[in-house]
Amino acid sequence: MTQVCYYKGCGVVYGEKEPLSDKDTTHGLCPKHLKISLKEIKAEMEKYSMVNRENQSQNTVLLLEK
């Protein structure tokens, strides 16, 4: 199977995978876009983590004020 990058219309053919006799196309991320995607995911996780920490701090303040 031919591997084609699906990231925002990239379309780069970046490899083949089993079964090699199958000439269909499968989609994934080429090495360049895999790296970009992982950075984007990490940035989103950090944003979520920061918001979560802020919420926890606010909840702690509210508990201490009671």
C-alpha atoms as a PDB file:
ATOM      1  CA  MET A   1       0.000   0.000   0.000  1.00  0.00           C
ATOM      2  CA  THR A   2       1.226   3.452  -0.854  1.00  0.00           C
ATOM      3  CA  GLN A   3       1.404   5.874   2.096  1.00  0.00           C
ATOM      4  CA  VAL A   4       0.320   9.448   1.336  1.00  0.00           C
ATOM      5  CA  CYS A   5       0.458  12.394   3.747  1.00  0.00           C
ATOM      6  CA  TYR A   6      -2.992  13.827   4.503  1.00  0.00           C
ATOM      7  CA  TYR A   7      -1.837  16.912   6.460  1.00  0.00           C
ATOM      8  CA  LYS A   8      -3.632  19.984   5.046  1.00  0.00           C
ATOM      9  CA  GLY A   9      -3.493  18.654   1.494  1.00  0.00           C
ATOM     10  CA  CYS A  10       0.234  17.832   1.511  1.00  0.00           C
ATOM     11  CA  GLY A  11      -0.173  14.706  -0.627  1.00  0.00           C
ATOM     12  CA  VAL A  12       3.491  13.638  -0.433  1.00  0.00           C
ATOM     13  CA  VAL A  13       4.053   9.933  -1.026  1.00  0.00           C
ATOM     14  CA  TYR A  14       6.311   8.958   1.865  1.00  0.00           C
ATOM     15  CA  GLY A  15       6.482   5.200   1.727  1.00  0.00           C
ATOM     16  CA  GLU A  16       4.850   1.818   1.395  1.00  0.00           C
ATOM     17  CA  LYS A  17       3.506  -0.628   3.935  1.00  0.00           C
ATOM     18  CA  GLU A  18       2.329  -4.219   4.022  1.00  0.00           C
ATOM     19  CA  PRO A  19       0.766  -5.777   2.076  1.00  0.00           C
ATOM     20  CA  LEU A  20       3.084  -4.589  -0.673  1.00  0.00           C
ATOM     21  CA  SER A  21       1.051  -6.438  -3.311  1.00  0.00           C
ATOM     22  CA  ASP A  22      -1.935  -4.164  -2.504  1.00  0.00           C
ATOM     23  CA  LYS A  23      -1.668  -1.059  -4.704  1.00  0.00           C
ATOM     24  CA  ASP A  24      -4.326   0.896  -2.775  1.00  0.00           C
ATOM     25  CA  THR A  25      -3.496   4.153  -1.003  1.00  0.00           C
ATOM     26  CA  THR A  26      -3.431   4.652   2.761  1.00  0.00           C
ATOM     27  CA  HIS A  27      -3.029   7.972   4.529  1.00  0.00           C
ATOM     28  CA  GLY A  28      -0.918   9.142   7.424  1.00  0.00           C
ATOM     29  CA  LEU A  29       1.618  11.821   8.248  1.00  0.00           C
ATOM     30  CA  CYS A  30       4.922  12.270   6.454  1.00  0.00           C
ATOM     31  CA  PRO A  31       7.927  12.793   8.776  1.00  0.00           C
ATOM     32  CA  LYS A  32       7.814  16.603   8.337  1.00  0.00           C
ATOM     33  CA  HIS A  33       4.131  16.867   9.199  1.00  0.00           C
ATOM     34  CA  LEU A  34       4.349  14.300  11.982  1.00  0.00           C
ATOM     35  CA  LYS A  35       6.886  16.551  13.695  1.00  0.00           C
ATOM     36  CA  ILE A  36       4.672  19.622  13.171  1.00  0.00           C
ATOM     37  CA  SER A  37       1.584  17.779  14.446  1.00  0.00           C
ATOM     38  CA  LEU A  38       3.363  16.606  17.583  1.00  0.00           C
ATOM     39  CA  LYS A  39       4.448  20.208  18.309  1.00  0.00           C
ATOM     40  CA  GLU A  40       0.850  21.405  17.819  1.00  0.00           C
ATOM     41  CA  ILE A  41      -0.467  18.704  20.147  1.00  0.00           C
ATOM     42  CA  LYS A  42       2.153  19.553  22.772  1.00  0.00           C
ATOM     43  CA  ALA A  43       1.218  23.255  22.597  1.00  0.00           C
ATOM     44  CA  GLU A  44      -2.477  22.406  23.043  1.00  0.00           C
ATOM     45  CA  MET A  45      -1.697  20.136  25.984  1.00  0.00           C
ATOM     46  CA  GLU A  46       0.350  22.884  27.631  1.00  0.00           C
ATOM     47  CA  LYS A  47      -2.509  25.379  27.161  1.00  0.00           C
ATOM     48  CA  TYR A  48      -4.970  22.923  28.694  1.00  0.00           C
ATOM     49  CA  SER A  49      -2.599  22.207  31.539  1.00  0.00           C
ATOM     50  CA  MET A  50      -2.170  25.940  32.227  1.00  0.00           C
ATOM     51  CA  VAL A  51      -5.945  26.516  32.266  1.00  0.00           C
ATOM     52  CA  ASN A  52      -6.388  23.514  34.540  1.00  0.00           C
ATOM     53  CA  ARG A  53      -3.760  24.861  36.962  1.00  0.00           C
ATOM     54  CA  GLU A  54      -5.445  28.289  36.993  1.00  0.00           C
ATOM     55  CA  ASN A  55      -8.788  26.668  37.784  1.00  0.00           C
ATOM     56  CA  GLN A  56      -7.224  24.642  40.583  1.00  0.00           C
ATOM     57  CA  SER A  57      -5.647  27.813  42.041  1.00  0.00           C
ATOM     58  CA  GLN A  58      -8.987  29.626  41.929  1.00  0.00           C
ATOM     59  CA  ASN A  59     -10.715  26.686  43.617  1.00  0.00           C
ATOM     60  CA  THR A  60      -8.050  26.646  46.334  1.00  0.00           C
ATOM     61  CA  VAL A  61      -8.555  30.370  46.993  1.00  0.00           C
ATOM     62  CA  LEU A  62     -12.311  29.866  47.227  1.00  0.00           C
ATOM     63  CA  LEU A  63     -11.852  27.019  49.711  1.00  0.00           C
ATOM     64  CA  LEU A  64      -9.468  29.083  51.825  1.00  0.00           C
ATOM     65  CA  GLU A  65     -11.894  32.019  51.906  1.00  0.00           C
ATOM     66  CA  LYS A  66     -14.688  29.891  53.408  1.00  0.00           C
END
